Amino acid sequence: MNKYEKDVFLLAYSFVKEKSLAEDISQEVFIKCYRSIDGFRGEASLKSWIYRITVNTSKDMLKRKSFNVLKYPKWFFENLQRSGSSEEAVLKRDYFLSLY
């Protein structure tokens, strides 16, 4: 872990562009490595194995994060805050409908 922690962090950061998220990914990578070290076959170097786990974990995190991010423009939330309550909207609508 001491040997690769900086490299793993930088690789994760290159994907997610957030320090705290890259730190979380780094921690998760080393937990995964610890749990599956028995499955390491030695066909590649230890470093490339850890890098592959880092890349896959980073991609998975981006997929999960993209589902959590609301994809609305900023003006939507500004207008939402400026508008009144639902009750006010219904009363205004009913009032205007009654005029016709």
PDB file of N, CA and C in Angstrom:
ATOM      1  N   MET A   1       0.832  -1.188   0.000  1.00  0.00           N
ATOM      2  CA  MET A   1       0.000   0.000   0.000  1.00  0.00           C
ATOM      3  C   MET A   1       0.874   1.248   0.000  1.00  0.00           C
ATOM      4  N   ASN A   2       1.888   1.261   0.852  1.00  0.00           N
ATOM      5  CA  ASN A   2       2.763   2.434   0.916  1.00  0.00           C
ATOM      6  C   ASN A   2       3.440   2.713  -0.419  1.00  0.00           C
ATOM      7  N   LYS A   3       3.759   1.657  -1.149  1.00  0.00           N
ATOM      8  CA  LYS A   3       4.477   1.815  -2.406  1.00  0.00           C
ATOM      9  C   LYS A   3       3.596   2.402  -3.507  1.00  0.00           C
ATOM     10  N   TYR A   4       2.302   2.076  -3.504  1.00  0.00           N
ATOM     11  CA  TYR A   4       1.426   2.460  -4.612  1.00  0.00           C
ATOM     12  C   TYR A   4       0.333   3.466  -4.260  1.00  0.00           C
ATOM     13  N   GLU A   5       0.255   3.900  -3.013  1.00  0.00           N
ATOM     14  CA  GLU A   5      -0.874   4.749  -2.624  1.00  0.00           C
ATOM     15  C   GLU A   5      -0.936   6.062  -3.402  1.00  0.00           C
ATOM     16  N   LYS A   6       0.195   6.690  -3.645  1.00  0.00           N
ATOM     17  CA  LYS A   6       0.193   7.956  -4.389  1.00  0.00           C
ATOM     18  C   LYS A   6      -0.219   7.729  -5.846  1.00  0.00           C
ATOM     19  N   ASP A   7       0.321   6.676  -6.460  1.00  0.00           N
ATOM     20  CA  ASP A   7      -0.023   6.373  -7.857  1.00  0.00           C
ATOM     21  C   ASP A   7      -1.497   6.026  -8.016  1.00  0.00           C
ATOM     22  N   VAL A   8      -2.018   5.260  -7.075  1.00  0.00           N
ATOM     23  CA  VAL A   8      -3.435   4.886  -7.119  1.00  0.00           C
ATOM     24  C   VAL A   8      -4.306   6.129  -6.969  1.00  0.00           C
ATOM     25  N   PHE A   9      -3.954   6.991  -6.031  1.00  0.00           N
ATOM     26  CA  PHE A   9      -4.718   8.224  -5.834  1.00  0.00           C
ATOM     27  C   PHE A   9      -4.712   9.066  -7.107  1.00  0.00           C
ATOM     28  N   LEU A  10      -3.536   9.268  -7.704  1.00  0.00           N
ATOM     29  CA  LEU A  10      -3.436  10.104  -8.912  1.00  0.00           C
ATOM     30  C   LEU A  10      -4.210   9.503 -10.079  1.00  0.00           C
ATOM     31  N   LEU A  11      -4.161   8.198 -10.206  1.00  0.00           N
ATOM     32  CA  LEU A  11      -4.928   7.539 -11.274  1.00  0.00           C
ATOM     33  C   LEU A  11      -6.425   7.706 -11.040  1.00  0.00           C
ATOM     34  N   ALA A  12      -6.870   7.502  -9.823  1.00  0.00           N
ATOM     35  CA  ALA A  12      -8.293   7.682  -9.504  1.00  0.00           C
ATOM     36  C   ALA A  12      -8.703   9.136  -9.719  1.00  0.00           C
ATOM     37  N   TYR A  13      -7.850  10.050  -9.296  1.00  0.00           N
ATOM     38  CA  TYR A  13      -8.156  11.485  -9.457  1.00  0.00           C
ATOM     39  C   TYR A  13      -8.260  11.860 -10.933  1.00  0.00           C
ATOM     40  N   SER A  14      -7.461  11.228 -11.783  1.00  0.00           N
ATOM     41  CA  SER A  14      -7.527  11.535 -13.219  1.00  0.00           C
ATOM     42  C   SER A  14      -8.891  11.162 -13.805  1.00  0.00           C
ATOM     43  N   PHE A  15      -9.579  10.244 -13.169  1.00  0.00           N
ATOM     44  CA  PHE A  15     -10.918   9.866 -13.618  1.00  0.00           C
ATOM     45  C   PHE A  15     -11.994  10.762 -13.017  1.00  0.00           C
ATOM     46  N   VAL A  16     -11.959  10.962 -11.713  1.00  0.00           N
ATOM     47  CA  VAL A  16     -13.092  11.591 -11.029  1.00  0.00           C
ATOM     48  C   VAL A  16     -12.935  13.085 -10.793  1.00  0.00           C
ATOM     49  N   LYS A  17     -11.728  13.599 -10.818  1.00  0.00           N
ATOM     50  CA  LYS A  17     -11.446  15.039 -10.679  1.00  0.00           C
ATOM     51  C   LYS A  17     -11.932  15.640  -9.354  1.00  0.00           C
ATOM     52  N   GLU A  18     -12.036  14.809  -8.329  1.00  0.00           N
ATOM     53  CA  GLU A  18     -12.408  15.277  -6.986  1.00  0.00           C
ATOM     54  C   GLU A  18     -11.508  14.592  -5.975  1.00  0.00           C
ATOM     55  N   LYS A  19     -10.869  15.395  -5.138  1.00  0.00           N
ATOM     56  CA  LYS A  19      -9.903  14.857  -4.189  1.00  0.00           C
ATOM     57  C   LYS A  19     -10.538  13.839  -3.236  1.00  0.00           C
ATOM     58  N   SER A  20     -11.649  14.215  -2.630  1.00  0.00           N
ATOM     59  CA  SER A  20     -12.257  13.324  -1.640  1.00  0.00           C
ATOM     60  C   SER A  20     -12.749  12.025  -2.280  1.00  0.00           C
ATOM     61  N   LEU A  21     -13.269  12.112  -3.473  1.00  0.00           N
ATOM     62  CA  LEU A  21     -13.736  10.915  -4.173  1.00  0.00           C
ATOM     63  C   LEU A  21     -12.551  10.021  -4.559  1.00  0.00           C
ATOM     64  N   ALA A  22     -11.458  10.634  -4.982  1.00  0.00           N
ATOM     65  CA  ALA A  22     -10.254   9.866  -5.320  1.00  0.00           C
ATOM     66  C   ALA A  22      -9.689   9.186  -4.074  1.00  0.00           C
ATOM     67  N   GLU A  23      -9.778   9.843  -2.943  1.00  0.00           N
ATOM     68  CA  GLU A  23      -9.331   9.232  -1.685  1.00  0.00           C
ATOM     69  C   GLU A  23     -10.200   8.031  -1.332  1.00  0.00           C
ATOM     70  N   ASP A  24     -11.504   8.175  -1.511  1.00  0.00           N
ATOM     71  CA  ASP A  24     -12.427   7.056  -1.247  1.00  0.00           C
ATOM     72  C   ASP A  24     -12.135   5.879  -2.175  1.00  0.00           C
ATOM     73  N   ILE A  25     -11.892   6.186  -3.436  1.00  0.00           N
ATOM     74  CA  ILE A  25     -11.592   5.129  -4.405  1.00  0.00           C
ATOM     75  C   ILE A  25     -10.292   4.429  -4.020  1.00  0.00           C
ATOM     76  N   SER A  26      -9.283   5.206  -3.644  1.00  0.00           N
ATOM     77  CA  SER A  26      -7.998   4.625  -3.247  1.00  0.00           C
ATOM     78  C   SER A  26      -8.176   3.654  -2.090  1.00  0.00           C
ATOM     79  N   GLN A  27      -8.953   4.064  -1.120  1.00  0.00           N
ATOM     80  CA  GLN A  27      -9.193   3.193   0.030  1.00  0.00           C
ATOM     81  C   GLN A  27      -9.912   1.914  -0.413  1.00  0.00           C
ATOM     82  N   GLU A  28     -10.906   2.080  -1.259  1.00  0.00           N
ATOM     83  CA  GLU A  28     -11.659   0.921  -1.739  1.00  0.00           C
ATOM     84  C   GLU A  28     -10.773  -0.018  -2.554  1.00  0.00           C
ATOM     85  N   VAL A  29      -9.865   0.544  -3.342  1.00  0.00           N
ATOM     86  CA  VAL A  29      -8.955  -0.266  -4.155  1.00  0.00           C
ATOM     87  C   VAL A  29      -8.095  -1.150  -3.261  1.00  0.00           C
ATOM     88  N   PHE A  30      -7.528  -0.582  -2.220  1.00  0.00           N
ATOM     89  CA  PHE A  30      -6.649  -1.379  -1.366  1.00  0.00           C
ATOM     90  C   PHE A  30      -7.419  -2.417  -0.551  1.00  0.00           C
ATOM     91  N   ILE A  31      -8.654  -2.115  -0.236  1.00  0.00           N
ATOM     92  CA  ILE A  31      -9.498  -3.127   0.419  1.00  0.00           C
ATOM     93  C   ILE A  31      -9.751  -4.285  -0.549  1.00  0.00           C
ATOM     94  N   LYS A  32     -10.068  -3.957  -1.803  1.00  0.00           N
ATOM     95  CA  LYS A  32     -10.289  -4.994  -2.815  1.00  0.00           C
ATOM     96  C   LYS A  32      -9.020  -5.818  -3.039  1.00  0.00           C
ATOM     97  N   CYS A  33      -7.884  -5.150  -3.076  1.00  0.00           N
ATOM     98  CA  CYS A  33      -6.612  -5.862  -3.260  1.00  0.00           C
ATOM     99  C   CYS A  33      -6.366  -6.823  -2.100  1.00  0.00           C
ATOM    100  N   TYR A  34      -6.589  -6.347  -0.910  1.00  0.00           N
ATOM    101  CA  TYR A  34      -6.372  -7.185   0.271  1.00  0.00           C
ATOM    102  C   TYR A  34      -7.270  -8.421   0.244  1.00  0.00           C
ATOM    103  N   ARG A  35      -8.528  -8.193  -0.122  1.00  0.00           N
ATOM    104  CA  ARG A  35      -9.491  -9.304  -0.126  1.00  0.00           C
ATOM    105  C   ARG A  35      -9.234 -10.310  -1.242  1.00  0.00           C
ATOM    106  N   SER A  36      -8.627  -9.864  -2.337  1.00  0.00           N
ATOM    107  CA  SER A  36      -8.489 -10.770  -3.481  1.00  0.00           C
ATOM    108  C   SER A  36      -7.037 -11.055  -3.848  1.00  0.00           C
ATOM    109  N   ILE A  37      -6.106 -10.814  -2.938  1.00  0.00           N
ATOM    110  CA  ILE A  37      -4.694 -11.070  -3.241  1.00  0.00           C
ATOM    111  C   ILE A  37      -4.443 -12.541  -3.557  1.00  0.00           C
ATOM    112  N   ASP A  38      -5.240 -13.429  -2.994  1.00  0.00           N
ATOM    113  CA  ASP A  38      -5.088 -14.858  -3.293  1.00  0.00           C
ATOM    114  C   ASP A  38      -5.411 -15.159  -4.758  1.00  0.00           C
ATOM    115  N   GLY A  39      -6.241 -14.315  -5.374  1.00  0.00           N
ATOM    116  CA  GLY A  39      -6.597 -14.507  -6.771  1.00  0.00           C
ATOM    117  C   GLY A  39      -5.597 -13.905  -7.739  1.00  0.00           C
ATOM    118  N   PHE A  40      -4.602 -13.214  -7.232  1.00  0.00           N
ATOM    119  CA  PHE A  40      -3.572 -12.628  -8.099  1.00  0.00           C
ATOM    120  C   PHE A  40      -2.713 -13.750  -8.665  1.00  0.00           C
ATOM    121  N   ARG A  41      -2.751 -13.900  -9.989  1.00  0.00           N
ATOM    122  CA  ARG A  41      -2.081 -15.034 -10.629  1.00  0.00           C
ATOM    123  C   ARG A  41      -0.630 -14.750 -10.988  1.00  0.00           C
ATOM    124  N   GLY A  42      -0.235 -13.502 -10.957  1.00  0.00           N
ATOM    125  CA  GLY A  42       1.150 -13.169 -11.270  1.00  0.00           C
ATOM    126  C   GLY A  42       1.450 -13.123 -12.751  1.00  0.00           C
ATOM    127  N   GLU A  43       0.414 -13.173 -13.596  1.00  0.00           N
ATOM    128  CA  GLU A  43       0.626 -13.090 -15.039  1.00  0.00           C
ATOM    129  C   GLU A  43       1.073 -11.686 -15.447  1.00  0.00           C
ATOM    130  N   ALA A  44       0.676 -10.717 -14.681  1.00  0.00           N
ATOM    131  CA  ALA A  44       1.100  -9.337 -14.893  1.00  0.00           C
ATOM    132  C   ALA A  44       1.794  -8.877 -13.609  1.00  0.00           C
ATOM    133  N   SER A  45       2.362  -7.689 -13.669  1.00  0.00           N
ATOM    134  CA  SER A  45       3.014  -7.183 -12.464  1.00  0.00           C
ATOM    135  C   SER A  45       1.962  -6.795 -11.428  1.00  0.00           C
ATOM    136  N   LEU A  46       2.369  -6.750 -10.198  1.00  0.00           N
ATOM    137  CA  LEU A  46       1.472  -6.350  -9.119  1.00  0.00           C
ATOM    138  C   LEU A  46       0.944  -4.940  -9.363  1.00  0.00           C
ATOM    139  N   LYS A  47       1.828  -4.081  -9.851  1.00  0.00           N
ATOM    140  CA  LYS A  47       1.438  -2.693 -10.130  1.00  0.00           C
ATOM    141  C   LYS A  47       0.328  -2.625 -11.178  1.00  0.00           C
ATOM    142  N   SER A  48       0.447  -3.365 -12.261  1.00  0.00           N
ATOM    143  CA  SER A  48      -0.590  -3.309 -13.301  1.00  0.00           C
ATOM    144  C   SER A  48      -1.897  -3.919 -12.805  1.00  0.00           C
ATOM    145  N   TRP A  49      -1.823  -4.917 -11.941  1.00  0.00           N
ATOM    146  CA  TRP A  49      -3.023  -5.506 -11.336  1.00  0.00           C
ATOM    147  C   TRP A  49      -3.741  -4.471 -10.474  1.00  0.00           C
ATOM    148  N   ILE A  50      -2.983  -3.759  -9.648  1.00  0.00           N
ATOM    149  CA  ILE A  50      -3.563  -2.714  -8.799  1.00  0.00           C
ATOM    150  C   ILE A  50      -4.120  -1.581  -9.657  1.00  0.00           C
ATOM    151  N   TYR A  51      -3.417  -1.220 -10.726  1.00  0.00           N
ATOM    152  CA  TYR A  51      -3.914  -0.173 -11.627  1.00  0.00           C
ATOM    153  C   TYR A  51      -5.225  -0.582 -12.284  1.00  0.00           C
ATOM    154  N   ARG A  52      -5.342  -1.836 -12.681  1.00  0.00           N
ATOM    155  CA  ARG A  52      -6.576  -2.307 -13.319  1.00  0.00           C
ATOM    156  C   ARG A  52      -7.733  -2.231 -12.335  1.00  0.00           C
ATOM    157  N   ILE A  53      -7.476  -2.608 -11.096  1.00  0.00           N
ATOM    158  CA  ILE A  53      -8.516  -2.504 -10.061  1.00  0.00           C
ATOM    159  C   ILE A  53      -8.886  -1.044  -9.853  1.00  0.00           C
ATOM    160  N   THR A  54      -7.907  -0.162  -9.888  1.00  0.00           N
ATOM    161  CA  THR A  54      -8.164   1.280  -9.717  1.00  0.00           C
ATOM    162  C   THR A  54      -9.010   1.827 -10.857  1.00  0.00           C
ATOM    163  N   VAL A  55      -8.669   1.470 -12.070  1.00  0.00           N
ATOM    164  CA  VAL A  55      -9.434   1.938 -13.237  1.00  0.00           C
ATOM    165  C   VAL A  55     -10.873   1.449 -13.160  1.00  0.00           C
ATOM    166  N   ASN A  56     -11.051   0.172 -12.876  1.00  0.00           N
ATOM    167  CA  ASN A  56     -12.409  -0.378 -12.806  1.00  0.00           C
ATOM    168  C   ASN A  56     -13.211   0.245 -11.663  1.00  0.00           C
ATOM    169  N   THR A  57     -12.574   0.435 -10.523  1.00  0.00           N
ATOM    170  CA  THR A  57     -13.265   1.045  -9.381  1.00  0.00           C
ATOM    171  C   THR A  57     -13.633   2.490  -9.692  1.00  0.00           C
ATOM    172  N   SER A  58     -12.744   3.204 -10.358  1.00  0.00           N
ATOM    173  CA  SER A  58     -13.025   4.599 -10.733  1.00  0.00           C
ATOM    174  C   SER A  58     -14.194   4.683 -11.706  1.00  0.00           C
ATOM    175  N   LYS A  59     -14.193   3.806 -12.689  1.00  0.00           N
ATOM    176  CA  LYS A  59     -15.299   3.793 -13.661  1.00  0.00           C
ATOM    177  C   LYS A  59     -16.617   3.445 -12.989  1.00  0.00           C
ATOM    178  N   ASP A  60     -16.585   2.471 -12.092  1.00  0.00           N
ATOM    179  CA  ASP A  60     -17.805   2.117 -11.357  1.00  0.00           C
ATOM    180  C   ASP A  60     -18.316   3.288 -10.533  1.00  0.00           C
ATOM    181  N   MET A  61     -17.402   4.006  -9.900  1.00  0.00           N
ATOM    182  CA  MET A  61     -17.787   5.163  -9.083  1.00  0.00           C
ATOM    183  C   MET A  61     -18.409   6.244  -9.955  1.00  0.00           C
ATOM    184  N   LEU A  62     -17.849   6.469 -11.126  1.00  0.00           N
ATOM    185  CA  LEU A  62     -18.420   7.466 -12.042  1.00  0.00           C
ATOM    186  C   LEU A  62     -19.816   7.076 -12.493  1.00  0.00           C
ATOM    187  N   LYS A  63     -20.025   5.788 -12.737  1.00  0.00           N
ATOM    188  CA  LYS A  63     -21.366   5.327 -13.125  1.00  0.00           C
ATOM    189  C   LYS A  63     -22.364   5.572 -12.006  1.00  0.00           C
ATOM    190  N   ARG A  64     -21.970   5.219 -10.787  1.00  0.00           N
ATOM    191  CA  ARG A  64     -22.871   5.432  -9.638  1.00  0.00           C
ATOM    192  C   ARG A  64     -23.127   6.907  -9.411  1.00  0.00           C
ATOM    193  N   LYS A  65     -22.095   7.702  -9.547  1.00  0.00           N
ATOM    194  CA  LYS A  65     -22.237   9.133  -9.306  1.00  0.00           C
ATOM    195  C   LYS A  65     -23.130   9.784 -10.354  1.00  0.00           C
ATOM    196  N   SER A  66     -23.044   9.325 -11.599  1.00  0.00           N
ATOM    197  CA  SER A  66     -23.845   9.946 -12.654  1.00  0.00           C
ATOM    198  C   SER A  66     -25.335   9.736 -12.423  1.00  0.00           C
ATOM    199  N   PHE A  67     -25.704   8.670 -11.728  1.00  0.00           N
ATOM    200  CA  PHE A  67     -27.109   8.457 -11.420  1.00  0.00           C
ATOM    201  C   PHE A  67     -27.568   9.338 -10.269  1.00  0.00           C
ATOM    202  N   ASN A  68     -26.641   9.787  -9.441  1.00  0.00           N
ATOM    203  CA  ASN A  68     -26.996  10.605  -8.287  1.00  0.00           C
ATOM    204  C   ASN A  68     -27.035  12.096  -8.595  1.00  0.00           C
ATOM    205  N   VAL A  69     -26.450  12.486  -9.702  1.00  0.00           N
ATOM    206  CA  VAL A  69     -26.380  13.900 -10.054  1.00  0.00           C
ATOM    207  C   VAL A  69     -27.631  14.282 -10.830  1.00  0.00           C
ATOM    208  N   LEU A  70     -28.287  15.322 -10.385  1.00  0.00           N
ATOM    209  CA  LEU A  70     -29.451  15.810 -11.112  1.00  0.00           C
ATOM    210  C   LEU A  70     -28.984  16.552 -12.350  1.00  0.00           C
ATOM    211  N   LYS A  71     -29.626  16.296 -13.444  1.00  0.00           N
ATOM    212  CA  LYS A  71     -29.193  16.898 -14.692  1.00  0.00           C
ATOM    213  C   LYS A  71     -30.165  17.993 -15.115  1.00  0.00           C
ATOM    214  N   TYR A  72     -30.304  18.988 -14.266  1.00  0.00           N
ATOM    215  CA  TYR A  72     -31.144  20.136 -14.557  1.00  0.00           C
ATOM    216  C   TYR A  72     -30.269  21.383 -14.584  1.00  0.00           C
ATOM    217  N   PRO A  73     -30.600  22.326 -15.435  1.00  0.00           N
ATOM    218  CA  PRO A  73     -29.805  23.552 -15.459  1.00  0.00           C
ATOM    219  C   PRO A  73     -30.007  24.371 -14.184  1.00  0.00           C
ATOM    220  N   LYS A  74     -29.067  25.237 -13.918  1.00  0.00           N
ATOM    221  CA  LYS A  74     -29.082  26.056 -12.710  1.00  0.00           C
ATOM    222  C   LYS A  74     -30.346  26.911 -12.625  1.00  0.00           C
ATOM    223  N   TRP A  75     -30.799  27.444 -13.766  1.00  0.00           N
ATOM    224  CA  TRP A  75     -31.963  28.322 -13.753  1.00  0.00           C
ATOM    225  C   TRP A  75     -33.214  27.591 -13.264  1.00  0.00           C
ATOM    226  N   PHE A  76     -33.288  26.276 -13.478  1.00  0.00           N
ATOM    227  CA  PHE A  76     -34.442  25.508 -13.039  1.00  0.00           C
ATOM    228  C   PHE A  76     -34.609  25.633 -11.532  1.00  0.00           C
ATOM    229  N   PHE A  77     -33.513  25.484 -10.800  1.00  0.00           N
ATOM    230  CA  PHE A  77     -33.579  25.553  -9.347  1.00  0.00           C
ATOM    231  C   PHE A  77     -33.814  26.972  -8.862  1.00  0.00           C
ATOM    232  N   GLU A  78     -33.269  27.958  -9.585  1.00  0.00           N
ATOM    233  CA  GLU A  78     -33.503  29.352  -9.209  1.00  0.00           C
ATOM    234  C   GLU A  78     -34.976  29.697  -9.358  1.00  0.00           C
ATOM    235  N   ASN A  79     -35.586  29.272 -10.459  1.00  0.00           N
ATOM    236  CA  ASN A  79     -37.013  29.528 -10.677  1.00  0.00           C
ATOM    237  C   ASN A  79     -37.872  28.755  -9.686  1.00  0.00           C
ATOM    238  N   LEU A  80     -37.446  27.577  -9.341  1.00  0.00           N
ATOM    239  CA  LEU A  80     -38.173  26.763  -8.383  1.00  0.00           C
ATOM    240  C   LEU A  80     -38.220  27.449  -7.026  1.00  0.00           C
ATOM    241  N   GLN A  81     -37.115  28.053  -6.634  1.00  0.00           N
ATOM    242  CA  GLN A  81     -37.060  28.739  -5.349  1.00  0.00           C
ATOM    243  C   GLN A  81     -37.905  30.011  -5.361  1.00  0.00           C
ATOM    244  N   ARG A  82     -37.965  30.680  -6.504  1.00  0.00           N
ATOM    245  CA  ARG A  82     -38.728  31.920  -6.584  1.00  0.00           C
ATOM    246  C   ARG A  82     -40.231  31.694  -6.651  1.00  0.00           C
ATOM    247  N   SER A  83     -40.629  30.564  -7.170  1.00  0.00           N
ATOM    248  CA  SER A  83     -42.060  30.318  -7.310  1.00  0.00           C
ATOM    249  C   SER A  83     -42.674  30.039  -5.944  1.00  0.00           C
ATOM    250  N   GLY A  84     -43.969  30.261  -5.857  1.00  0.00           N
ATOM    251  CA  GLY A  84     -44.676  30.055  -4.601  1.00  0.00           C
ATOM    252  C   GLY A  84     -44.956  28.585  -4.356  1.00  0.00           C
ATOM    253  N   SER A  85     -45.762  28.340  -3.380  1.00  0.00           N
ATOM    254  CA  SER A  85     -46.100  26.965  -3.041  1.00  0.00           C
ATOM    255  C   SER A  85     -47.063  26.384  -4.075  1.00  0.00           C
ATOM    256  N   SER A  86     -47.260  25.101  -4.005  1.00  0.00           N
ATOM    257  CA  SER A  86     -48.192  24.426  -4.918  1.00  0.00           C
ATOM    258  C   SER A  86     -49.608  24.934  -4.716  1.00  0.00           C
ATOM    259  N   GLU A  87     -49.938  25.182  -3.447  1.00  0.00           N
ATOM    260  CA  GLU A  87     -51.279  25.684  -3.149  1.00  0.00           C
ATOM    261  C   GLU A  87     -51.516  27.039  -3.808  1.00  0.00           C
ATOM    262  N   GLU A  88     -50.493  27.898  -3.744  1.00  0.00           N
ATOM    263  CA  GLU A  88     -50.634  29.210  -4.383  1.00  0.00           C
ATOM    264  C   GLU A  88     -50.822  29.071  -5.884  1.00  0.00           C
ATOM    265  N   ALA A  89     -50.100  28.168  -6.491  1.00  0.00           N
ATOM    266  CA  ALA A  89     -50.203  27.963  -7.940  1.00  0.00           C
ATOM    267  C   ALA A  89     -51.611  27.493  -8.313  1.00  0.00           C
ATOM    268  N   VAL A  90     -52.182  26.584  -7.538  1.00  0.00           N
ATOM    269  CA  VAL A  90     -53.529  26.083  -7.818  1.00  0.00           C
ATOM    270  C   VAL A  90     -54.552  27.200  -7.641  1.00  0.00           C
ATOM    271  N   LEU A  91     -54.435  27.975  -6.575  1.00  0.00           N
ATOM    272  CA  LEU A  91     -55.367  29.075  -6.342  1.00  0.00           C
ATOM    273  C   LEU A  91     -55.300  30.111  -7.456  1.00  0.00           C
ATOM    274  N   LYS A  92     -54.083  30.432  -7.901  1.00  0.00           N
ATOM    275  CA  LYS A  92     -53.931  31.402  -8.994  1.00  0.00           C
ATOM    276  C   LYS A  92     -54.547  30.849 -10.272  1.00  0.00           C
ATOM    277  N   ARG A  93     -54.301  29.574 -10.556  1.00  0.00           N
ATOM    278  CA  ARG A  93     -54.854  28.962 -11.749  1.00  0.00           C
ATOM    279  C   ARG A  93     -56.391  28.983 -11.702  1.00  0.00           C
ATOM    280  N   ASP A  94     -56.960  28.582 -10.553  1.00  0.00           N
ATOM    281  CA  ASP A  94     -58.407  28.567 -10.410  1.00  0.00           C
ATOM    282  C   ASP A  94     -58.988  29.974 -10.529  1.00  0.00           C
ATOM    283  N   TYR A  95     -58.282  30.945  -9.980  1.00  0.00           N
ATOM    284  CA  TYR A  95     -58.745  32.317 -10.063  1.00  0.00           C
ATOM    285  C   TYR A  95     -58.790  32.767 -11.521  1.00  0.00           C
ATOM    286  N   PHE A  96     -57.715  32.530 -12.258  1.00  0.00           N
ATOM    287  CA  PHE A  96     -57.676  32.956 -13.657  1.00  0.00           C
ATOM    288  C   PHE A  96     -58.679  32.196 -14.513  1.00  0.00           C
ATOM    289  N   LEU A  97     -58.920  30.918 -14.190  1.00  0.00           N
ATOM    290  CA  LEU A  97     -59.909  30.149 -14.930  1.00  0.00           C
ATOM    291  C   LEU A  97     -61.326  30.664 -14.669  1.00  0.00           C
ATOM    292  N   SER A  98     -61.562  31.145 -13.448  1.00  0.00           N
ATOM    293  CA  SER A  98     -62.883  31.647 -13.109  1.00  0.00           C
ATOM    294  C   SER A  98     -63.201  32.965 -13.826  1.00  0.00           C
ATOM    295  N   LEU A  99     -62.185  33.669 -14.274  1.00  0.00           N
ATOM    296  CA  LEU A  99     -62.388  34.923 -14.997  1.00  0.00           C
ATOM    297  C   LEU A  99     -62.929  34.686 -16.397  1.00  0.00           C
ATOM    298  N   TYR A 100     -62.741  33.515 -16.916  1.00  0.00           N
ATOM    299  CA  TYR A 100     -63.157  33.233 -18.301  1.00  0.00           C
ATOM    300  C   TYR A 100     -64.420  32.503 -18.363  1.00  0.00           C
TER     301      TYR A 100
END
